[in-house]
Amino acid sequence: MGLPGHRRTSSDKRRRAAHFALEKVSLAHCSKCKKTVLPHHACGFCGTYDGKEVIKIKTKKKITK
């Protein structure tokens, strides 16, 4: 039969929760349209990855700066 667990102290809770902090997302720039994109992902704006078109975008939006 299982035994009852021990009470988790406040220091134990803080020590466990120390790894729950959010990290900043690292972003790269698309080589074609210069929009921000996640690393190792195809650009959702122009559909390119590593300089090649891998996704057909039906309506390409104009780049506005």
PDB file of N, CA and C in Angstrom:
ATOM      1  N   MET A   1       0.842  -1.174   0.000  1.00  0.00           N
ATOM      2  CA  MET A   1       0.000   0.000   0.000  1.00  0.00           C
ATOM      3  C   MET A   1       0.887   1.237   0.000  1.00  0.00           C
ATOM      4  N   GLY A   2       0.463   2.255  -0.743  1.00  0.00           N
ATOM      5  CA  GLY A   2       1.253   3.467  -0.834  1.00  0.00           C
ATOM      6  C   GLY A   2       1.228   4.280   0.443  1.00  0.00           C
ATOM      7  N   LEU A   3       2.264   5.035   0.642  1.00  0.00           N
ATOM      8  CA  LEU A   3       2.342   5.890   1.822  1.00  0.00           C
ATOM      9  C   LEU A   3       1.946   7.308   1.451  1.00  0.00           C
ATOM     10  N   PRO A   4       1.427   8.069   2.408  1.00  0.00           N
ATOM     11  CA  PRO A   4       1.076   9.458   2.106  1.00  0.00           C
ATOM     12  C   PRO A   4       2.331  10.285   1.824  1.00  0.00           C
ATOM     13  N   GLY A   5       2.202  11.217   0.915  1.00  0.00           N
ATOM     14  CA  GLY A   5       3.345  12.044   0.554  1.00  0.00           C
ATOM     15  C   GLY A   5       3.674  13.055   1.630  1.00  0.00           C
ATOM     16  N   HIS A   6       4.835  13.649   1.536  1.00  0.00           N
ATOM     17  CA  HIS A   6       5.237  14.644   2.508  1.00  0.00           C
ATOM     18  C   HIS A   6       4.761  16.019   2.055  1.00  0.00           C
ATOM     19  N   ARG A   7       4.618  16.894   3.018  1.00  0.00           N
ATOM     20  CA  ARG A   7       4.179  18.256   2.708  1.00  0.00           C
ATOM     21  C   ARG A   7       5.276  18.959   1.919  1.00  0.00           C
ATOM     22  N   ARG A   8       4.884  19.638   0.842  1.00  0.00           N
ATOM     23  CA  ARG A   8       5.853  20.389   0.039  1.00  0.00           C
ATOM     24  C   ARG A   8       6.024  21.765   0.677  1.00  0.00           C
ATOM     25  N   THR A   9       7.210  22.056   1.133  1.00  0.00           N
ATOM     26  CA  THR A   9       7.454  23.321   1.817  1.00  0.00           C
ATOM     27  C   THR A   9       7.485  24.464   0.803  1.00  0.00           C
ATOM     28  N   SER A  10       7.422  25.682   1.310  1.00  0.00           N
ATOM     29  CA  SER A  10       7.400  26.834   0.411  1.00  0.00           C
ATOM     30  C   SER A  10       8.728  26.971  -0.338  1.00  0.00           C
ATOM     31  N   SER A  11       9.822  26.605   0.285  1.00  0.00           N
ATOM     32  CA  SER A  11      11.107  26.680  -0.416  1.00  0.00           C
ATOM     33  C   SER A  11      11.183  25.627  -1.521  1.00  0.00           C
ATOM     34  N   ASP A  12      10.596  24.463  -1.291  1.00  0.00           N
ATOM     35  CA  ASP A  12      10.546  23.431  -2.328  1.00  0.00           C
ATOM     36  C   ASP A  12       9.721  23.911  -3.520  1.00  0.00           C
ATOM     37  N   LYS A  13       8.610  24.581  -3.236  1.00  0.00           N
ATOM     38  CA  LYS A  13       7.767  25.085  -4.319  1.00  0.00           C
ATOM     39  C   LYS A  13       8.515  26.127  -5.139  1.00  0.00           C
ATOM     40  N   ARG A  14       9.218  27.036  -4.465  1.00  0.00           N
ATOM     41  CA  ARG A  14       9.959  28.083  -5.186  1.00  0.00           C
ATOM     42  C   ARG A  14      11.101  27.491  -5.989  1.00  0.00           C
ATOM     43  N   ARG A  15      11.764  26.506  -5.445  1.00  0.00           N
ATOM     44  CA  ARG A  15      12.870  25.866  -6.150  1.00  0.00           C
ATOM     45  C   ARG A  15      12.362  25.134  -7.393  1.00  0.00           C
ATOM     46  N   ARG A  16      11.215  24.496  -7.280  1.00  0.00           N
ATOM     47  CA  ARG A  16      10.630  23.786  -8.417  1.00  0.00           C
ATOM     48  C   ARG A  16      10.142  24.768  -9.473  1.00  0.00           C
ATOM     49  N   ALA A  17       9.574  25.878  -9.038  1.00  0.00           N
ATOM     50  CA  ALA A  17       9.001  26.853  -9.967  1.00  0.00           C
ATOM     51  C   ALA A  17      10.053  27.764 -10.581  1.00  0.00           C
ATOM     52  N   ALA A  18      11.304  27.623 -10.187  1.00  0.00           N
ATOM     53  CA  ALA A  18      12.350  28.482 -10.735  1.00  0.00           C
ATOM     54  C   ALA A  18      12.557  28.244 -12.224  1.00  0.00           C
ATOM     55  N   HIS A  19      12.144  27.094 -12.742  1.00  0.00           N
ATOM     56  CA  HIS A  19      12.330  26.760 -14.147  1.00  0.00           C
ATOM     57  C   HIS A  19      11.123  27.125 -15.004  1.00  0.00           C
ATOM     58  N   PHE A  20      10.116  27.760 -14.430  1.00  0.00           N
ATOM     59  CA  PHE A  20       8.894  28.057 -15.160  1.00  0.00           C
ATOM     60  C   PHE A  20       8.937  29.404 -15.865  1.00  0.00           C
ATOM     61  N   ALA A  21      10.036  30.132 -15.776  1.00  0.00           N
ATOM     62  CA  ALA A  21      10.111  31.459 -16.371  1.00  0.00           C
ATOM     63  C   ALA A  21      10.036  31.356 -17.889  1.00  0.00           C
ATOM     64  N   LEU A  22       9.400  32.340 -18.507  1.00  0.00           N
ATOM     65  CA  LEU A  22       9.290  32.369 -19.958  1.00  0.00           C
ATOM     66  C   LEU A  22      10.606  32.834 -20.559  1.00  0.00           C
ATOM     67  N   GLU A  23      10.963  32.256 -21.690  1.00  0.00           N
ATOM     68  CA  GLU A  23      12.190  32.651 -22.378  1.00  0.00           C
ATOM     69  C   GLU A  23      11.835  33.499 -23.586  1.00  0.00           C
ATOM     70  N   LYS A  24      12.738  34.382 -23.967  1.00  0.00           N
ATOM     71  CA  LYS A  24      12.516  35.194 -25.150  1.00  0.00           C
ATOM     72  C   LYS A  24      12.604  34.311 -26.385  1.00  0.00           C
ATOM     73  N   VAL A  25      11.749  34.591 -27.354  1.00  0.00           N
ATOM     74  CA  VAL A  25      11.737  33.837 -28.595  1.00  0.00           C
ATOM     75  C   VAL A  25      12.810  34.411 -29.509  1.00  0.00           C
ATOM     76  N   SER A  26      13.684  33.547 -30.007  1.00  0.00           N
ATOM     77  CA  SER A  26      14.708  34.020 -30.927  1.00  0.00           C
ATOM     78  C   SER A  26      14.107  34.043 -32.325  1.00  0.00           C
ATOM     79  N   LEU A  27      14.235  35.165 -33.014  1.00  0.00           N
ATOM     80  CA  LEU A  27      13.670  35.328 -34.338  1.00  0.00           C
ATOM     81  C   LEU A  27      14.771  35.558 -35.352  1.00  0.00           C
ATOM     82  N   ALA A  28      14.544  35.086 -36.548  1.00  0.00           N
ATOM     83  CA  ALA A  28      15.454  35.319 -37.672  1.00  0.00           C
ATOM     84  C   ALA A  28      14.720  36.188 -38.690  1.00  0.00           C
ATOM     85  N   HIS A  29      15.421  36.589 -39.735  1.00  0.00           N
ATOM     86  CA  HIS A  29      14.821  37.395 -40.788  1.00  0.00           C
ATOM     87  C   HIS A  29      14.790  36.595 -42.077  1.00  0.00           C
ATOM     88  N   CYS A  30      13.708  36.735 -42.809  1.00  0.00           N
ATOM     89  CA  CYS A  30      13.580  36.078 -44.105  1.00  0.00           C
ATOM     90  C   CYS A  30      14.577  36.712 -45.062  1.00  0.00           C
ATOM     91  N   SER A  31      15.266  35.874 -45.841  1.00  0.00           N
ATOM     92  CA  SER A  31      16.277  36.406 -46.751  1.00  0.00           C
ATOM     93  C   SER A  31      15.661  37.106 -47.948  1.00  0.00           C
ATOM     94  N   LYS A  32      14.394  36.829 -48.238  1.00  0.00           N
ATOM     95  CA  LYS A  32      13.761  37.441 -49.405  1.00  0.00           C
ATOM     96  C   LYS A  32      12.991  38.714 -49.045  1.00  0.00           C
ATOM     97  N   CYS A  33      12.093  38.629 -48.061  1.00  0.00           N
ATOM     98  CA  CYS A  33      11.227  39.775 -47.756  1.00  0.00           C
ATOM     99  C   CYS A  33      11.615  40.495 -46.470  1.00  0.00           C
ATOM    100  N   LYS A  34      12.606  39.994 -45.750  1.00  0.00           N
ATOM    101  CA  LYS A  34      13.129  40.605 -44.525  1.00  0.00           C
ATOM    102  C   LYS A  34      12.122  40.663 -43.379  1.00  0.00           C
ATOM    103  N   LYS A  35      11.065  39.866 -43.428  1.00  0.00           N
ATOM    104  CA  LYS A  35      10.127  39.789 -42.308  1.00  0.00           C
ATOM    105  C   LYS A  35      10.713  38.860 -41.249  1.00  0.00           C
ATOM    106  N   THR A  36      10.276  39.019 -40.005  1.00  0.00           N
ATOM    107  CA  THR A  36      10.758  38.147 -38.939  1.00  0.00           C
ATOM    108  C   THR A  36      10.059  36.796 -39.044  1.00  0.00           C
ATOM    109  N   VAL A  37      10.829  35.749 -38.826  1.00  0.00           N
ATOM    110  CA  VAL A  37      10.316  34.391 -38.939  1.00  0.00           C
ATOM    111  C   VAL A  37      11.055  33.534 -37.920  1.00  0.00           C
ATOM    112  N   LEU A  38      10.414  32.479 -37.444  1.00  0.00           N
ATOM    113  CA  LEU A  38      11.069  31.566 -36.518  1.00  0.00           C
ATOM    114  C   LEU A  38      12.215  30.856 -37.233  1.00  0.00           C
ATOM    115  N   PRO A  39      13.317  30.592 -36.551  1.00  0.00           N
ATOM    116  CA  PRO A  39      14.427  29.891 -37.192  1.00  0.00           C
ATOM    117  C   PRO A  39      14.002  28.492 -37.648  1.00  0.00           C
ATOM    118  N   HIS A  40      14.507  28.059 -38.785  1.00  0.00           N
ATOM    119  CA  HIS A  40      14.238  26.740 -39.358  1.00  0.00           C
ATOM    120  C   HIS A  40      12.764  26.555 -39.695  1.00  0.00           C
ATOM    121  N   HIS A  41      12.066  27.655 -40.038  1.00  0.00           N
ATOM    122  CA  HIS A  41      10.676  27.603 -40.472  1.00  0.00           C
ATOM    123  C   HIS A  41      10.554  28.364 -41.787  1.00  0.00           C
ATOM    124  N   ALA A  42       9.596  27.970 -42.598  1.00  0.00           N
ATOM    125  CA  ALA A  42       9.339  28.692 -43.840  1.00  0.00           C
ATOM    126  C   ALA A  42       8.640  30.009 -43.512  1.00  0.00           C
ATOM    127  N   CYS A  43       8.900  31.019 -44.324  1.00  0.00           N
ATOM    128  CA  CYS A  43       8.300  32.340 -44.125  1.00  0.00           C
ATOM    129  C   CYS A  43       6.820  32.256 -44.490  1.00  0.00           C
ATOM    130  N   GLY A  44       5.963  32.694 -43.604  1.00  0.00           N
ATOM    131  CA  GLY A  44       4.533  32.674 -43.871  1.00  0.00           C
ATOM    132  C   GLY A  44       4.085  33.798 -44.768  1.00  0.00           C
ATOM    133  N   PHE A  45       4.937  34.771 -44.979  1.00  0.00           N
ATOM    134  CA  PHE A  45       4.583  35.932 -45.793  1.00  0.00           C
ATOM    135  C   PHE A  45       4.846  35.672 -47.272  1.00  0.00           C
ATOM    136  N   CYS A  46       6.045  35.165 -47.590  1.00  0.00           N
ATOM    137  CA  CYS A  46       6.392  34.932 -48.996  1.00  0.00           C
ATOM    138  C   CYS A  46       6.542  33.454 -49.335  1.00  0.00           C
ATOM    139  N   GLY A  47       6.589  32.568 -48.346  1.00  0.00           N
ATOM    140  CA  GLY A  47       6.616  31.141 -48.597  1.00  0.00           C
ATOM    141  C   GLY A  47       7.982  30.583 -48.949  1.00  0.00           C
ATOM    142  N   THR A  48       9.062  31.276 -48.577  1.00  0.00           N
ATOM    143  CA  THR A  48      10.390  30.789 -48.929  1.00  0.00           C
ATOM    144  C   THR A  48      11.090  30.205 -47.710  1.00  0.00           C
ATOM    145  N   TYR A  49      12.000  29.277 -47.981  1.00  0.00           N
ATOM    146  CA  TYR A  49      12.867  28.709 -46.956  1.00  0.00           C
ATOM    147  C   TYR A  49      14.209  28.450 -47.611  1.00  0.00           C
ATOM    148  N   ASP A  50      15.255  28.975 -47.023  1.00  0.00           N
ATOM    149  CA  ASP A  50      16.616  28.808 -47.523  1.00  0.00           C
ATOM    150  C   ASP A  50      16.744  29.311 -48.966  1.00  0.00           C
ATOM    151  N   GLY A  51      16.028  30.404 -49.265  1.00  0.00           N
ATOM    152  CA  GLY A  51      16.117  31.019 -50.582  1.00  0.00           C
ATOM    153  C   GLY A  51      15.284  30.358 -51.656  1.00  0.00           C
ATOM    154  N   LYS A  52      14.516  29.314 -51.314  1.00  0.00           N
ATOM    155  CA  LYS A  52      13.691  28.609 -52.298  1.00  0.00           C
ATOM    156  C   LYS A  52      12.232  28.705 -51.886  1.00  0.00           C
ATOM    157  N   GLU A  53      11.343  28.796 -52.874  1.00  0.00           N
ATOM    158  CA  GLU A  53       9.918  28.848 -52.582  1.00  0.00           C
ATOM    159  C   GLU A  53       9.426  27.439 -52.273  1.00  0.00           C
ATOM    160  N   VAL A  54       8.954  27.231 -51.063  1.00  0.00           N
ATOM    161  CA  VAL A  54       8.503  25.906 -50.643  1.00  0.00           C
ATOM    162  C   VAL A  54       6.995  25.871 -50.398  1.00  0.00           C
ATOM    163  N   ILE A  55       6.378  27.026 -50.223  1.00  0.00           N
ATOM    164  CA  ILE A  55       4.942  27.110 -49.996  1.00  0.00           C
ATOM    165  C   ILE A  55       4.364  28.055 -51.043  1.00  0.00           C
ATOM    166  N   LYS A  56       3.304  27.624 -51.707  1.00  0.00           N
ATOM    167  CA  LYS A  56       2.630  28.490 -52.669  1.00  0.00           C
ATOM    168  C   LYS A  56       1.665  29.393 -51.905  1.00  0.00           C
ATOM    169  N   ILE A  57       1.920  30.687 -51.938  1.00  0.00           N
ATOM    170  CA  ILE A  57       1.045  31.657 -51.303  1.00  0.00           C
ATOM    171  C   ILE A  57       0.089  32.162 -52.386  1.00  0.00           C
ATOM    172  N   LYS A  58      -1.224  32.040 -52.150  1.00  0.00           N
ATOM    173  CA  LYS A  58      -2.191  32.416 -53.172  1.00  0.00           C
ATOM    174  C   LYS A  58      -2.148  33.907 -53.473  1.00  0.00           C
ATOM    175  N   THR A  59      -2.233  34.723 -52.429  1.00  0.00           N
ATOM    176  CA  THR A  59      -2.199  36.173 -52.635  1.00  0.00           C
ATOM    177  C   THR A  59      -0.992  36.711 -51.927  1.00  0.00           C
ATOM    178  N   LYS A  60      -0.028  37.175 -52.692  1.00  0.00           N
ATOM    179  CA  LYS A  60       1.162  37.769 -52.094  1.00  0.00           C
ATOM    180  C   LYS A  60       0.876  39.226 -51.786  1.00  0.00           C
ATOM    181  N   LYS A  61       1.096  39.591 -50.564  1.00  0.00           N
ATOM    182  CA  LYS A  61       0.849  40.960 -50.146  1.00  0.00           C
ATOM    183  C   LYS A  61       2.020  41.833 -50.523  1.00  0.00           C
ATOM    184  N   LYS A  62       1.739  43.095 -50.721  1.00  0.00           N
ATOM    185  CA  LYS A  62       2.809  44.030 -51.021  1.00  0.00           C
ATOM    186  C   LYS A  62       3.558  44.364 -49.743  1.00  0.00           C
ATOM    187  N   ILE A  63       4.865  44.509 -49.869  1.00  0.00           N
ATOM    188  CA  ILE A  63       5.686  44.846 -48.712  1.00  0.00           C
ATOM    189  C   ILE A  63       5.560  46.345 -48.448  1.00  0.00           C
ATOM    190  N   THR A  64       5.136  46.690 -47.248  1.00  0.00           N
ATOM    191  CA  THR A  64       5.023  48.098 -46.880  1.00  0.00           C
ATOM    192  C   THR A  64       6.004  48.387 -45.769  1.00  0.00           C
ATOM    193  N   LYS A  65       6.714  49.453 -45.918  1.00  0.00           N
ATOM    194  CA  LYS A  65       7.677  49.817 -44.878  1.00  0.00           C
ATOM    195  C   LYS A  65       7.381  51.166 -44.313  1.00  0.00           C
TER     196      LYS A  65
END
